[in-house]
Amino acid sequence: MTTAAGLRSIGATCLAALALWCGVAFAAGPTLGMMAPNFRLQDQNGEWHTLEQYRGKWVALYFYPKDQTPGCTTQACDFRDNIFAFRETGAVLLGISVDTVASHKEFAEKHGLPFRILADSSKQTAADYGVLTKLFGLLEVAKRETFLIDPQGRVAKHYFDVKPEGHSTMVIADLKALMAKQKGG
């Protein structure tokens, strides 16, 4: 019997092969059950973070396009407004965009963000997660996608085409469900 995760993995492999055959660049990120790519990035205060340092904890890693834009501000403030419910899960919340540390500092201070936002100025982490894209064919940004990473460092859930408003509530509910499943199984 083939699992949904297995089908997604097969689909990703087929899509990558088709893209190569057609001569199209394809950035594949991790699929469900795969180890999440490690990173070493600075937060808005200049402190370094790696995914490896959060091993043993659930991590909600959300990518967003650009500081100070309407959708990204809505999404960040949505997480901010639900931070107590999020913290009750015990999970770590990290935002990532390709903006600079200075831009993140201004963004976090302006909106009172009580969580880390990481600067992927080299764009390598966004590429590793398969979320790097070009806006209007010119500006490289991260797509608005979120990954839930389990305590062993594997991708447990991947949200595509995230809607900024209300996303945090969905992430919290899914984290609770995944944690309960892991505890019971």
Protein backbone atom coordinates (compact mmCIF):
# COMPACT_ATOMS: atom_id res chain seq x y z
CA MET A 1 0.00 0.00 0.00
CA THR A 2 1.37 3.42 -0.97
CA THR A 3 1.14 6.23 1.58
CA ALA A 4 0.27 9.84 0.80
CA ALA A 5 3.83 10.85 1.72
CA GLY A 6 5.16 8.19 -0.65
CA LEU A 7 2.98 9.47 -3.48
CA ARG A 8 4.14 13.04 -2.86
CA SER A 9 7.77 11.90 -2.93
CA ILE A 10 7.19 9.99 -6.19
CA GLY A 11 5.37 13.02 -7.61
CA ALA A 12 8.23 15.34 -6.65
CA THR A 13 10.75 12.99 -8.29
CA CYS A 14 8.68 12.79 -11.49
CA LEU A 15 8.23 16.55 -11.59
CA ALA A 16 11.97 17.10 -11.16
CA ALA A 17 12.71 14.61 -13.99
CA LEU A 18 10.16 16.30 -16.26
CA ALA A 19 11.64 19.72 -15.48
CA LEU A 20 15.14 18.47 -16.37
CA TRP A 21 13.88 16.87 -19.58
CA CYS A 22 12.17 20.11 -20.60
CA GLY A 23 15.22 22.19 -19.63
CA VAL A 24 13.38 24.06 -16.88
CA ALA A 25 15.12 25.00 -13.63
CA PHE A 26 13.39 23.32 -10.73
CA ALA A 27 14.07 23.95 -7.05
CA ALA A 28 12.81 21.03 -5.05
CA GLY A 29 12.59 21.40 -1.32
CA PRO A 30 12.24 18.69 1.27
CA THR A 31 9.16 16.48 1.13
CA LEU A 32 7.22 15.01 4.06
CA GLY A 33 9.34 12.68 6.14
CA MET A 34 12.64 14.01 4.79
CA MET A 35 15.22 15.66 6.99
CA ALA A 36 14.76 19.43 6.88
CA PRO A 37 17.82 21.24 5.52
CA ASN A 38 19.98 22.75 8.23
CA PHE A 39 20.84 26.44 8.14
CA ARG A 40 22.95 28.99 9.99
CA LEU A 41 21.29 32.41 9.94
CA GLN A 42 21.23 35.57 12.04
CA ASP A 43 18.06 36.88 13.66
CA GLN A 44 16.94 40.48 13.99
CA ASN A 45 19.34 40.96 16.92
CA GLY A 46 22.36 39.54 15.10
CA GLU A 47 22.30 36.23 17.03
CA TRP A 48 23.09 33.06 15.06
CA HIS A 49 20.61 30.19 14.81
CA THR A 50 20.81 26.73 13.28
CA LEU A 51 18.03 24.23 12.82
CA GLU A 52 20.24 21.69 14.56
CA GLN A 53 20.16 23.70 17.80
CA TYR A 54 16.40 23.10 18.01
CA ARG A 55 16.67 19.31 17.69
CA GLY A 56 14.33 17.72 20.23
CA LYS A 57 11.68 20.45 19.73
CA TRP A 58 8.96 21.05 17.19
CA VAL A 59 9.78 23.95 14.87
CA ALA A 60 7.38 26.05 12.81
CA LEU A 61 9.52 27.57 10.07
CA TYR A 62 7.65 30.12 7.99
CA PHE A 63 9.06 31.77 4.90
CA TYR A 64 7.74 35.10 3.69
CA PRO A 65 8.62 37.43 0.80
CA LYS A 66 9.49 40.86 2.21
CA ASP A 67 9.55 42.88 5.42
CA GLN A 68 7.11 45.79 5.72
CA THR A 69 4.80 44.63 2.91
CA PRO A 70 1.06 44.29 3.62
CA GLY A 71 0.76 40.49 3.41
CA CYS A 72 3.98 39.83 5.30
CA THR A 73 3.03 42.29 8.02
CA THR A 74 -0.40 40.67 8.34
CA GLN A 75 1.19 37.22 8.65
CA ALA A 76 3.80 38.29 11.20
CA CYS A 77 1.21 40.13 13.29
CA ASP A 78 -1.09 37.09 13.10
CA PHE A 79 1.67 34.97 14.69
CA ARG A 80 2.36 37.78 17.19
CA ASP A 81 -1.30 37.99 18.21
CA ASN A 82 -1.45 34.22 18.81
CA ILE A 83 1.97 33.90 20.46
CA PHE A 84 0.61 32.70 23.81
CA ALA A 85 -1.33 29.85 22.18
CA PHE A 86 1.74 29.09 20.11
CA ARG A 87 4.03 29.04 23.15
CA GLU A 88 1.64 26.63 24.92
CA THR A 89 2.60 24.02 22.32
CA GLY A 90 6.27 24.33 23.31
CA ALA A 91 7.28 24.66 19.66
CA VAL A 92 9.82 27.13 18.30
CA LEU A 93 8.56 29.74 15.82
CA LEU A 94 11.02 31.10 13.26
CA GLY A 95 10.30 33.41 10.33
CA ILE A 96 12.68 33.64 7.37
CA SER A 97 12.97 36.04 4.45
CA VAL A 98 15.85 37.10 2.23
CA ASP A 99 15.90 40.57 3.82
CA THR A 100 18.85 41.79 5.91
CA VAL A 101 19.35 41.67 9.66
CA ALA A 102 18.83 45.47 9.78
CA SER A 103 15.56 45.21 7.86
CA HIS A 104 14.37 42.45 10.20
CA LYS A 105 15.30 44.51 13.26
CA GLU A 106 13.23 47.45 12.04
CA PHE A 107 10.32 45.15 11.08
CA ALA A 108 10.34 43.32 14.43
CA GLU A 109 10.55 46.54 16.46
CA LYS A 110 7.87 48.34 14.47
CA HIS A 111 5.38 45.48 14.91
CA GLY A 112 6.44 44.16 18.33
CA LEU A 113 7.30 40.69 17.03
CA PRO A 114 8.09 38.40 20.01
CA PHE A 115 9.81 35.69 17.96
CA ARG A 116 12.92 35.31 15.84
CA ILE A 117 12.98 36.31 12.20
CA LEU A 118 16.05 35.08 10.37
CA ALA A 119 17.91 36.87 7.59
CA ASP A 120 18.66 34.66 4.59
CA SER A 121 20.51 37.36 2.65
CA SER A 122 22.47 34.76 0.64
CA LYS A 123 19.12 33.14 -0.33
CA GLN A 124 20.68 29.70 0.21
CA THR A 125 18.19 28.55 2.84
CA ALA A 126 15.22 29.61 0.70
CA ALA A 127 16.76 27.68 -2.20
CA ASP A 128 17.40 24.62 0.00
CA TYR A 129 13.73 24.60 1.04
CA GLY A 130 12.56 25.09 -2.56
CA VAL A 131 10.84 28.40 -1.84
CA LEU A 132 13.12 30.85 -3.67
CA THR A 133 11.29 32.55 -6.53
CA LYS A 134 11.55 35.63 -8.72
CA LEU A 135 8.99 38.36 -8.31
CA PHE A 136 8.15 40.08 -11.61
CA GLY A 137 11.11 38.20 -13.10
CA LEU A 138 13.55 40.48 -11.28
CA LEU A 139 13.54 40.37 -7.48
CA GLU A 140 14.35 37.08 -5.74
CA VAL A 141 12.20 36.47 -2.67
CA ALA A 142 10.98 33.53 -0.62
CA LYS A 143 7.51 32.20 -1.39
CA ARG A 144 5.01 32.29 1.46
CA GLU A 145 5.29 28.70 2.69
CA THR A 146 5.55 27.08 6.12
CA PHE A 147 7.21 23.88 7.30
CA LEU A 148 6.47 22.05 10.54
CA ILE A 149 9.58 20.15 11.57
CA ASP A 150 9.41 17.37 14.15
CA PRO A 151 11.84 16.92 17.06
CA GLN A 152 13.96 14.53 14.97
CA GLY A 153 14.41 17.21 12.29
CA ARG A 154 12.02 15.74 9.69
CA VAL A 155 9.39 17.67 7.76
CA ALA A 156 6.02 16.74 9.27
CA LYS A 157 3.84 19.21 7.36
CA HIS A 158 4.32 21.65 4.50
CA TYR A 159 1.90 24.49 3.75
CA PHE A 160 1.95 25.84 0.19
CA ASP A 161 0.44 29.16 -0.98
CA VAL A 162 -0.20 30.35 2.56
CA LYS A 163 -2.86 32.99 3.17
CA PRO A 164 -1.37 35.51 5.65
CA GLU A 165 -4.46 36.05 7.78
CA GLY A 166 -5.42 33.17 10.06
CA HIS A 167 -2.42 31.01 9.17
CA SER A 168 -1.10 30.96 12.74
CA THR A 169 -4.34 29.40 14.01
CA MET A 170 -4.01 26.59 11.45
CA VAL A 171 -0.35 26.03 12.38
CA ILE A 172 -1.16 25.85 16.10
CA ALA A 173 -4.02 23.38 15.53
CA ASP A 174 -1.85 21.19 13.30
CA LEU A 175 1.05 21.29 15.77
CA LYS A 176 -1.25 20.14 18.55
CA ALA A 177 -2.61 17.31 16.39
CA LEU A 178 0.84 16.18 15.28
CA MET A 179 2.15 16.30 18.85
CA ALA A 180 -0.81 14.27 20.11
CA LYS A 181 -0.32 11.73 17.31
CA GLN A 182 3.40 11.43 18.11
CA LYS A 183 2.66 11.04 21.83
CA GLY A 184 0.01 8.39 21.19
CA GLY A 185 1.92 6.48 18.54
